[in-house]
């Protein structure tokens, strides 16, 4: 049987494999953490895992917008030049 260990603050630590007849150790639950939680925390009253990570922490893990490629930069320059020429009546 697999159980899920949490620390004294109820923050998920790691899965533990037990023999089927073993008692449930302290700071463990048979309920797996939900997918998508950055720092799962077990609520012993509701018997559910909740998100304990701050929004700031979660945002810090998200990748930054990538720099445009050289091709994308050149397309933008050409587009801007064409637009300017059209506005001046050349095209």
PDB file of N, CA and C in Angstrom:
ATOM      1  N   UNK A   1       0.854  -1.170   0.000  1.00  0.00           N
ATOM      2  CA  UNK A   1       0.000   0.000   0.000  1.00  0.00           C
ATOM      3  C   UNK A   1       0.901   1.235   0.000  1.00  0.00           C
ATOM      4  N   UNK A   2       0.495   2.245  -0.772  1.00  0.00           N
ATOM      5  CA  UNK A   2       1.257   3.491  -0.804  1.00  0.00           C
ATOM      6  C   UNK A   2       0.516   4.547   0.003  1.00  0.00           C
ATOM      7  N   UNK A   3       1.259   5.271   0.836  1.00  0.00           N
ATOM      8  CA  UNK A   3       0.703   6.375   1.612  1.00  0.00           C
ATOM      9  C   UNK A   3       1.549   7.613   1.327  1.00  0.00           C
ATOM     10  N   UNK A   4       1.079   8.749   1.810  1.00  0.00           N
ATOM     11  CA  UNK A   4       1.727  10.018   1.498  1.00  0.00           C
ATOM     12  C   UNK A   4       2.087  10.728   2.795  1.00  0.00           C
ATOM     13  N   UNK A   5       3.378  10.953   2.972  1.00  0.00           N
ATOM     14  CA  UNK A   5       3.905  11.529   4.215  1.00  0.00           C
ATOM     15  C   UNK A   5       3.921  13.047   4.129  1.00  0.00           C
ATOM     16  N   UNK A   6       3.550  13.674   5.240  1.00  0.00           N
ATOM     17  CA  UNK A   6       3.634  15.126   5.357  1.00  0.00           C
ATOM     18  C   UNK A   6       4.371  15.470   6.648  1.00  0.00           C
ATOM     19  N   UNK A   7       4.948  16.675   6.675  1.00  0.00           N
ATOM     20  CA  UNK A   7       5.740  17.077   7.842  1.00  0.00           C
ATOM     21  C   UNK A   7       4.849  17.636   8.957  1.00  0.00           C
ATOM     22  N   UNK A   8       5.483  18.189   9.988  1.00  0.00           N
ATOM     23  CA  UNK A   8       4.732  18.700  11.145  1.00  0.00           C
ATOM     24  C   UNK A   8       3.853  19.900  10.793  1.00  0.00           C
ATOM     25  N   UNK A   9       4.121  20.517   9.635  1.00  0.00           N
ATOM     26  CA  UNK A   9       3.288  21.629   9.153  1.00  0.00           C
ATOM     27  C   UNK A   9       2.282  21.169   8.101  1.00  0.00           C
ATOM     28  N   UNK A  10       2.188  19.852   7.937  1.00  0.00           N
ATOM     29  CA  UNK A  10       1.254  19.209   6.997  1.00  0.00           C
ATOM     30  C   UNK A  10       1.637  19.399   5.528  1.00  0.00           C
ATOM     31  N   UNK A  11       2.886  19.788   5.272  1.00  0.00           N
ATOM     32  CA  UNK A  11       3.384  19.951   3.909  1.00  0.00           C
ATOM     33  C   UNK A  11       3.848  18.587   3.401  1.00  0.00           C
ATOM     34  N   UNK A  12       3.443  18.259   2.169  1.00  0.00           N
ATOM     35  CA  UNK A  12       3.790  16.967   1.569  1.00  0.00           C
ATOM     36  C   UNK A  12       5.301  16.789   1.500  1.00  0.00           C
ATOM     37  N   UNK A  13       5.747  15.575   1.836  1.00  0.00           N
ATOM     38  CA  UNK A  13       7.172  15.260   1.754  1.00  0.00           C
ATOM     39  C   UNK A  13       7.461  14.244   0.662  1.00  0.00           C
ATOM     40  N   UNK A  14       6.868  13.041   0.774  1.00  0.00           N
ATOM     41  CA  UNK A  14       7.159  11.989  -0.195  1.00  0.00           C
ATOM     42  C   UNK A  14       6.206  10.815   0.003  1.00  0.00           C
ATOM     43  N   UNK A  15       6.100   9.953  -1.029  1.00  0.00           N
ATOM     44  CA  UNK A  15       5.277   8.751  -0.878  1.00  0.00           C
ATOM     45  C   UNK A  15       6.045   7.683  -0.104  1.00  0.00           C
ATOM     46  N   UNK A  16       5.299   6.822   0.573  1.00  0.00           N
ATOM     47  CA  UNK A  16       5.885   5.728   1.350  1.00  0.00           C
ATOM     48  C   UNK A  16       5.142   4.453   0.980  1.00  0.00           C
ATOM     49  N   UNK A  17       5.890   3.394   0.696  1.00  0.00           N
ATOM     50  CA  UNK A  17       5.275   2.099   0.398  1.00  0.00           C
ATOM     51  C   UNK A  17       5.316   1.257   1.668  1.00  0.00           C
ATOM     52  N   UNK A  18       4.137   0.744   2.050  1.00  0.00           N
ATOM     53  CA  UNK A  18       4.003  -0.069   3.259  1.00  0.00           C
ATOM     54  C   UNK A  18       3.544  -1.474   2.897  1.00  0.00           C
ATOM     55  N   UNK A  19       3.825  -2.392   3.784  1.00  0.00           N
ATOM     56  CA  UNK A  19       3.231  -3.724   3.654  1.00  0.00           C
ATOM     57  C   UNK A  19       1.725  -3.567   3.853  1.00  0.00           C
ATOM     58  N   UNK A  20       0.943  -4.411   3.199  1.00  0.00           N
ATOM     59  CA  UNK A  20      -0.518  -4.280   3.266  1.00  0.00           C
ATOM     60  C   UNK A  20      -1.076  -4.349   4.677  1.00  0.00           C
ATOM     61  N   UNK A  21      -0.434  -5.078   5.561  1.00  0.00           N
ATOM     62  CA  UNK A  21      -0.955  -5.221   6.923  1.00  0.00           C
ATOM     63  C   UNK A  21      -0.345  -4.219   7.910  1.00  0.00           C
ATOM     64  N   UNK A  22       0.467  -3.294   7.407  1.00  0.00           N
ATOM     65  CA  UNK A  22       1.107  -2.302   8.280  1.00  0.00           C
ATOM     66  C   UNK A  22       0.108  -1.225   8.693  1.00  0.00           C
ATOM     67  N   UNK A  23       0.226  -0.737   9.936  1.00  0.00           N
ATOM     68  CA  UNK A  23      -0.635   0.377  10.351  1.00  0.00           C
ATOM     69  C   UNK A  23      -0.179   1.673   9.670  1.00  0.00           C
ATOM     70  N   UNK A  24      -1.077   2.613   9.560  1.00  0.00           N
ATOM     71  CA  UNK A  24      -0.759   3.907   8.959  1.00  0.00           C
ATOM     72  C   UNK A  24       0.153   4.686   9.912  1.00  0.00           C
ATOM     73  N   UNK A  25       1.357   5.055   9.456  1.00  0.00           N
ATOM     74  CA  UNK A  25       2.278   5.811  10.324  1.00  0.00           C
ATOM     75  C   UNK A  25       1.747   7.220  10.608  1.00  0.00           C
ATOM     76  N   UNK A  26       2.292   7.821  11.655  1.00  0.00           N
ATOM     77  CA  UNK A  26       1.964   9.217  11.948  1.00  0.00           C
ATOM     78  C   UNK A  26       2.381  10.085  10.764  1.00  0.00           C
ATOM     79  N   UNK A  27       1.675  11.192  10.583  1.00  0.00           N
ATOM     80  CA  UNK A  27       1.965  12.155   9.516  1.00  0.00           C
ATOM     81  C   UNK A  27       1.881  11.526   8.129  1.00  0.00           C
ATOM     82  N   UNK A  28       0.945  10.604   7.961  1.00  0.00           N
ATOM     83  CA  UNK A  28       0.718   9.971   6.666  1.00  0.00           C
ATOM     84  C   UNK A  28      -0.777   9.887   6.389  1.00  0.00           C
ATOM     85  N   UNK A  29      -1.114   9.838   5.108  1.00  0.00           N
ATOM     86  CA  UNK A  29      -2.494   9.652   4.678  1.00  0.00           C
ATOM     87  C   UNK A  29      -2.502   8.746   3.454  1.00  0.00           C
ATOM     88  N   UNK A  30      -3.617   8.101   3.233  1.00  0.00           N
ATOM     89  CA  UNK A  30      -3.764   7.267   2.033  1.00  0.00           C
ATOM     90  C   UNK A  30      -4.264   8.099   0.857  1.00  0.00           C
ATOM     91  N   UNK A  31      -4.592   9.351   1.103  1.00  0.00           N
ATOM     92  CA  UNK A  31      -5.125  10.242   0.064  1.00  0.00           C
ATOM     93  C   UNK A  31      -3.961  10.888  -0.686  1.00  0.00           C
ATOM     94  N   UNK A  32      -3.862  10.665  -2.003  1.00  0.00           N
ATOM     95  CA  UNK A  32      -2.752  11.260  -2.757  1.00  0.00           C
ATOM     96  C   UNK A  32      -2.951  12.761  -2.957  1.00  0.00           C
ATOM     97  N   UNK A  33      -1.859  13.521  -3.032  1.00  0.00           N
ATOM     98  CA  UNK A  33      -1.987  14.953  -3.324  1.00  0.00           C
ATOM     99  C   UNK A  33      -2.592  15.153  -4.717  1.00  0.00           C
ATOM    100  N   UNK A  34      -3.381  16.186  -4.859  1.00  0.00           N
ATOM    101  CA  UNK A  34      -3.993  16.505  -6.148  1.00  0.00           C
ATOM    102  C   UNK A  34      -2.930  16.968  -7.132  1.00  0.00           C
ATOM    103  N   UNK A  35      -3.136  16.663  -8.412  1.00  0.00           N
ATOM    104  CA  UNK A  35      -2.241  17.165  -9.451  1.00  0.00           C
ATOM    105  C   UNK A  35      -2.345  18.685  -9.523  1.00  0.00           C
ATOM    106  N   UNK A  36      -1.255  19.326  -9.866  1.00  0.00           N
ATOM    107  CA  UNK A  36      -1.259  20.767 -10.074  1.00  0.00           C
ATOM    108  C   UNK A  36      -0.966  21.601  -8.845  1.00  0.00           C
ATOM    109  N   UNK A  37      -0.749  20.966  -7.707  1.00  0.00           N
ATOM    110  CA  UNK A  37      -0.407  21.724  -6.501  1.00  0.00           C
ATOM    111  C   UNK A  37       1.108  21.909  -6.449  1.00  0.00           C
ATOM    112  N   UNK A  38       1.556  23.127  -6.213  1.00  0.00           N
ATOM    113  CA  UNK A  38       2.986  23.407  -6.154  1.00  0.00           C
ATOM    114  C   UNK A  38       3.573  22.977  -4.817  1.00  0.00           C
ATOM    115  N   UNK A  39       2.898  23.319  -3.729  1.00  0.00           N
ATOM    116  CA  UNK A  39       3.320  22.902  -2.390  1.00  0.00           C
ATOM    117  C   UNK A  39       2.077  22.364  -1.677  1.00  0.00           C
ATOM    118  N   UNK A  40       1.789  21.069  -1.866  1.00  0.00           N
ATOM    119  CA  UNK A  40       0.589  20.498  -1.252  1.00  0.00           C
ATOM    120  C   UNK A  40       0.659  20.509   0.274  1.00  0.00           C
ATOM    121  N   UNK A  41      -0.471  20.847   0.879  1.00  0.00           N
ATOM    122  CA  UNK A  41      -0.594  20.841   2.335  1.00  0.00           C
ATOM    123  C   UNK A  41      -1.856  20.058   2.673  1.00  0.00           C
ATOM    124  N   UNK A  42      -1.731  19.113   3.610  1.00  0.00           N
ATOM    125  CA  UNK A  42      -2.868  18.265   3.957  1.00  0.00           C
ATOM    126  C   UNK A  42      -3.713  18.920   5.038  1.00  0.00           C
ATOM    127  N   UNK A  43      -5.013  19.030   4.765  1.00  0.00           N
ATOM    128  CA  UNK A  43      -5.959  19.554   5.744  1.00  0.00           C
ATOM    129  C   UNK A  43      -6.569  18.356   6.453  1.00  0.00           C
ATOM    130  N   UNK A  44      -6.225  18.168   7.704  1.00  0.00           N
ATOM    131  CA  UNK A  44      -6.677  16.981   8.436  1.00  0.00           C
ATOM    132  C   UNK A  44      -8.167  17.021   8.753  1.00  0.00           C
ATOM    133  N   UNK A  45      -8.765  18.198   8.751  1.00  0.00           N
ATOM    134  CA  UNK A  45     -10.206  18.297   9.026  1.00  0.00           C
ATOM    135  C   UNK A  45     -11.031  17.888   7.810  1.00  0.00           C
ATOM    136  N   UNK A  46     -10.637  18.394   6.633  1.00  0.00           N
ATOM    137  CA  UNK A  46     -11.396  18.088   5.411  1.00  0.00           C
ATOM    138  C   UNK A  46     -10.878  16.843   4.702  1.00  0.00           C
ATOM    139  N   UNK A  47      -9.710  16.374   5.125  1.00  0.00           N
ATOM    140  CA  UNK A  47      -9.058  15.213   4.498  1.00  0.00           C
ATOM    141  C   UNK A  47      -8.769  15.471   3.016  1.00  0.00           C
ATOM    142  N   UNK A  48      -8.325  16.697   2.716  1.00  0.00           N
ATOM    143  CA  UNK A  48      -7.989  17.075   1.342  1.00  0.00           C
ATOM    144  C   UNK A  48      -6.660  17.810   1.327  1.00  0.00           C
ATOM    145  N   UNK A  49      -5.970  17.699   0.185  1.00  0.00           N
ATOM    146  CA  UNK A  49      -4.751  18.463  -0.030  1.00  0.00           C
ATOM    147  C   UNK A  49      -5.141  19.825  -0.585  1.00  0.00           C
ATOM    148  N   UNK A  50      -4.476  20.872  -0.115  1.00  0.00           N
ATOM    149  CA  UNK A  50      -4.733  22.230  -0.586  1.00  0.00           C
ATOM    150  C   UNK A  50      -3.410  22.869  -0.995  1.00  0.00           C
ATOM    151  N   UNK A  51      -3.499  23.947  -1.757  1.00  0.00           N
ATOM    152  CA  UNK A  51      -2.301  24.677  -2.173  1.00  0.00           C
ATOM    153  C   UNK A  51      -1.825  25.555  -1.025  1.00  0.00           C
ATOM    154  N   UNK A  52      -0.551  25.455  -0.690  1.00  0.00           N
ATOM    155  CA  UNK A  52       0.001  26.317   0.360  1.00  0.00           C
ATOM    156  C   UNK A  52       1.006  27.322  -0.197  1.00  0.00           C
ATOM    157  N   UNK A  53       1.333  27.206  -1.479  1.00  0.00           N
ATOM    158  CA  UNK A  53       2.280  28.143  -2.091  1.00  0.00           C
ATOM    159  C   UNK A  53       1.599  29.486  -2.323  1.00  0.00           C
ATOM    160  N   UNK A  54       2.344  30.556  -2.113  1.00  0.00           N
ATOM    161  CA  UNK A  54       1.810  31.896  -2.366  1.00  0.00           C
ATOM    162  C   UNK A  54       1.728  32.130  -3.874  1.00  0.00           C
ATOM    163  N   UNK A  55       0.893  33.066  -4.260  1.00  0.00           N
ATOM    164  CA  UNK A  55       0.755  33.422  -5.682  1.00  0.00           C
ATOM    165  C   UNK A  55       2.090  33.930  -6.222  1.00  0.00           C
ATOM    166  N   UNK A  56       2.810  34.670  -5.393  1.00  0.00           N
ATOM    167  CA  UNK A  56       4.122  35.194  -5.791  1.00  0.00           C
ATOM    168  C   UNK A  56       5.094  34.049  -6.089  1.00  0.00           C
ATOM    169  N   UNK A  57       5.092  33.034  -5.238  1.00  0.00           N
ATOM    170  CA  UNK A  57       5.969  31.882  -5.449  1.00  0.00           C
ATOM    171  C   UNK A  57       5.597  31.152  -6.739  1.00  0.00           C
ATOM    172  N   UNK A  58       4.310  30.919  -6.945  1.00  0.00           N
ATOM    173  CA  UNK A  58       3.853  30.223  -8.153  1.00  0.00           C
ATOM    174  C   UNK A  58       4.243  31.014  -9.395  1.00  0.00           C
ATOM    175  N   UNK A  59       4.033  32.335  -9.363  1.00  0.00           N
ATOM    176  CA  UNK A  59       4.399  33.177 -10.508  1.00  0.00           C
ATOM    177  C   UNK A  59       5.894  33.129 -10.781  1.00  0.00           C
ATOM    178  N   UNK A  60       6.706  33.001  -9.729  1.00  0.00           N
ATOM    179  CA  UNK A  60       8.160  32.964  -9.916  1.00  0.00           C
ATOM    180  C   UNK A  60       8.611  31.693 -10.635  1.00  0.00           C
ATOM    181  N   UNK A  61       7.789  30.668 -10.618  1.00  0.00           N
ATOM    182  CA  UNK A  61       8.142  29.411 -11.278  1.00  0.00           C
ATOM    183  C   UNK A  61       7.744  29.371 -12.747  1.00  0.00           C
ATOM    184  N   UNK A  62       6.867  30.276 -13.138  1.00  0.00           N
ATOM    185  CA  UNK A  62       6.396  30.286 -14.523  1.00  0.00           C
ATOM    186  C   UNK A  62       7.500  30.831 -15.416  1.00  0.00           C
ATOM    187  N   UNK A  63       7.664  30.247 -16.607  1.00  0.00           N
ATOM    188  CA  UNK A  63       8.721  30.720 -17.502  1.00  0.00           C
ATOM    189  C   UNK A  63       8.422  32.132 -18.010  1.00  0.00           C
ATOM    190  N   UNK A  64       9.474  32.887 -18.212  1.00  0.00           N
ATOM    191  CA  UNK A  64       9.333  34.223 -18.771  1.00  0.00           C
ATOM    192  C   UNK A  64       8.995  34.105 -20.250  1.00  0.00           C
ATOM    193  N   UNK A  65       8.389  35.156 -20.797  1.00  0.00           N
ATOM    194  CA  UNK A  65       8.104  35.155 -22.226  1.00  0.00           C
ATOM    195  C   UNK A  65       9.432  35.082 -22.972  1.00  0.00           C
ATOM    196  N   UNK A  66       9.527  34.193 -23.958  1.00  0.00           N
ATOM    197  CA  UNK A  66      10.793  34.066 -24.685  1.00  0.00           C
ATOM    198  C   UNK A  66      11.056  35.290 -25.556  1.00  0.00           C
ATOM    199  N   UNK A  67      12.324  35.568 -25.766  1.00  0.00           N
ATOM    200  CA  UNK A  67      12.716  36.646 -26.664  1.00  0.00           C
ATOM    201  C   UNK A  67      12.292  36.267 -28.077  1.00  0.00           C
ATOM    202  N   UNK A  68      11.848  37.240 -28.875  1.00  0.00           N
ATOM    203  CA  UNK A  68      11.493  36.904 -30.260  1.00  0.00           C
ATOM    204  C   UNK A  68      12.737  36.460 -31.036  1.00  0.00           C
ATOM    205  N   UNK A  69      12.519  35.558 -31.975  1.00  0.00           N
ATOM    206  CA  UNK A  69      13.632  35.074 -32.799  1.00  0.00           C
ATOM    207  C   UNK A  69      14.068  36.180 -33.757  1.00  0.00           C
ATOM    208  N   UNK A  70      15.218  35.984 -34.386  1.00  0.00           N
ATOM    209  CA  UNK A  70      15.710  36.964 -35.362  1.00  0.00           C
ATOM    210  C   UNK A  70      14.709  37.124 -36.501  1.00  0.00           C
ATOM    211  N   UNK A  71      14.113  36.022 -36.932  1.00  0.00           N
ATOM    212  CA  UNK A  71      13.117  36.074 -38.005  1.00  0.00           C
ATOM    213  C   UNK A  71      11.917  36.912 -37.583  1.00  0.00           C
ATOM    214  N   UNK A  72      11.441  36.706 -36.354  1.00  0.00           N
ATOM    215  CA  UNK A  72      10.298  37.488 -35.864  1.00  0.00           C
ATOM    216  C   UNK A  72      10.647  38.971 -35.767  1.00  0.00           C
ATOM    217  N   UNK A  73      11.876  39.272 -35.347  1.00  0.00           N
ATOM    218  CA  UNK A  73      12.299  40.670 -35.261  1.00  0.00           C
ATOM    219  C   UNK A  73      12.327  41.310 -36.649  1.00  0.00           C
ATOM    220  N   UNK A  74      12.852  40.576 -37.639  1.00  0.00           N
ATOM    221  CA  UNK A  74      12.915  41.100 -39.006  1.00  0.00           C
ATOM    222  C   UNK A  74      11.521  41.280 -39.600  1.00  0.00           C
ATOM    223  N   UNK A  75      10.615  40.351 -39.327  1.00  0.00           N
ATOM    224  CA  UNK A  75       9.235  40.491 -39.809  1.00  0.00           C
ATOM    225  C   UNK A  75       8.607  41.762 -39.255  1.00  0.00           C
ATOM    226  N   UNK A  76       8.876  42.061 -37.997  1.00  0.00           N
ATOM    227  CA  UNK A  76       8.332  43.265 -37.367  1.00  0.00           C
ATOM    228  C   UNK A  76       8.901  44.507 -38.030  1.00  0.00           C
ATOM    229  N   UNK A  77      10.205  44.526 -38.312  1.00  0.00           N
ATOM    230  CA  UNK A  77      10.834  45.680 -38.961  1.00  0.00           C
ATOM    231  C   UNK A  77      10.227  45.892 -40.341  1.00  0.00           C
ATOM    232  N   UNK A  78      10.109  44.819 -41.122  1.00  0.00           N
ATOM    233  CA  UNK A  78       9.540  44.918 -42.473  1.00  0.00           C
ATOM    234  C   UNK A  78       8.099  45.405 -42.399  1.00  0.00           C
ATOM    235  N   UNK A  79       7.344  44.863 -41.488  1.00  0.00           N
ATOM    236  CA  UNK A  79       5.948  45.267 -41.315  1.00  0.00           C
ATOM    237  C   UNK A  79       5.851  46.754 -40.973  1.00  0.00           C
ATOM    238  N   UNK A  80       6.714  47.218 -40.077  1.00  0.00           N
ATOM    239  CA  UNK A  80       6.703  48.634 -39.692  1.00  0.00           C
ATOM    240  C   UNK A  80       7.071  49.532 -40.874  1.00  0.00           C
ATOM    241  N   UNK A  81       8.044  49.123 -41.679  1.00  0.00           N
ATOM    242  CA  UNK A  81       8.456  49.913 -42.848  1.00  0.00           C
ATOM    243  C   UNK A  81       7.324  49.964 -43.865  1.00  0.00           C
ATOM    244  N   UNK A  82       6.699  48.834 -44.141  1.00  0.00           N
ATOM    245  CA  UNK A  82       5.582  48.802 -45.096  1.00  0.00           C
ATOM    246  C   UNK A  82       4.445  49.694 -44.607  1.00  0.00           C
ATOM    247  N   UNK A  83       4.138  49.621 -43.336  1.00  0.00           N
ATOM    248  CA  UNK A  83       3.072  50.455 -42.771  1.00  0.00           C
ATOM    249  C   UNK A  83       3.409  51.937 -42.940  1.00  0.00           C
ATOM    250  N   UNK A  84       4.655  52.303 -42.636  1.00  0.00           N
ATOM    251  CA  UNK A  84       5.070  53.699 -42.758  1.00  0.00           C
ATOM    252  C   UNK A  84       4.978  54.163 -44.211  1.00  0.00           C
ATOM    253  N   UNK A  85       5.411  53.332 -45.156  1.00  0.00           N
ATOM    254  CA  UNK A  85       5.340  53.694 -46.573  1.00  0.00           C
ATOM    255  C   UNK A  85       3.889  53.843 -47.032  1.00  0.00           C
ATOM    256  N   UNK A  86       3.015  52.993 -46.541  1.00  0.00           N
ATOM    257  CA  UNK A  86       1.596  53.085 -46.891  1.00  0.00           C
ATOM    258  C   UNK A  86       0.993  54.375 -46.337  1.00  0.00           C
ATOM    259  N   UNK A  87       1.364  54.742 -45.126  1.00  0.00           N
ATOM    260  CA  UNK A  87       0.827  55.955 -44.509  1.00  0.00           C
ATOM    261  C   UNK A  87       1.314  57.212 -45.233  1.00  0.00           C
ATOM    262  N   UNK A  88       2.493  57.130 -45.845  1.00  0.00           N
ATOM    263  CA  UNK A  88       3.039  58.269 -46.589  1.00  0.00           C
ATOM    264  C   UNK A  88       2.579  58.265 -48.038  1.00  0.00           C
ATOM    265  N   UNK A  89       1.793  57.271 -48.420  1.00  0.00           N
ATOM    266  CA  UNK A  89       1.253  57.209 -49.776  1.00  0.00           C
ATOM    267  C   UNK A  89       2.221  56.683 -50.809  1.00  0.00           C
ATOM    268  N   UNK A  90       3.336  56.148 -50.394  1.00  0.00           N
ATOM    269  CA  UNK A  90       4.314  55.599 -51.332  1.00  0.00           C
ATOM    270  C   UNK A  90       3.818  54.266 -51.878  1.00  0.00           C
ATOM    271  N   UNK A  91       3.157  53.486 -51.076  1.00  0.00           N
ATOM    272  CA  UNK A  91       2.601  52.188 -51.506  1.00  0.00           C
ATOM    273  C   UNK A  91       1.101  52.259 -51.572  1.00  0.00           C
TER     274      UNK A  91
END
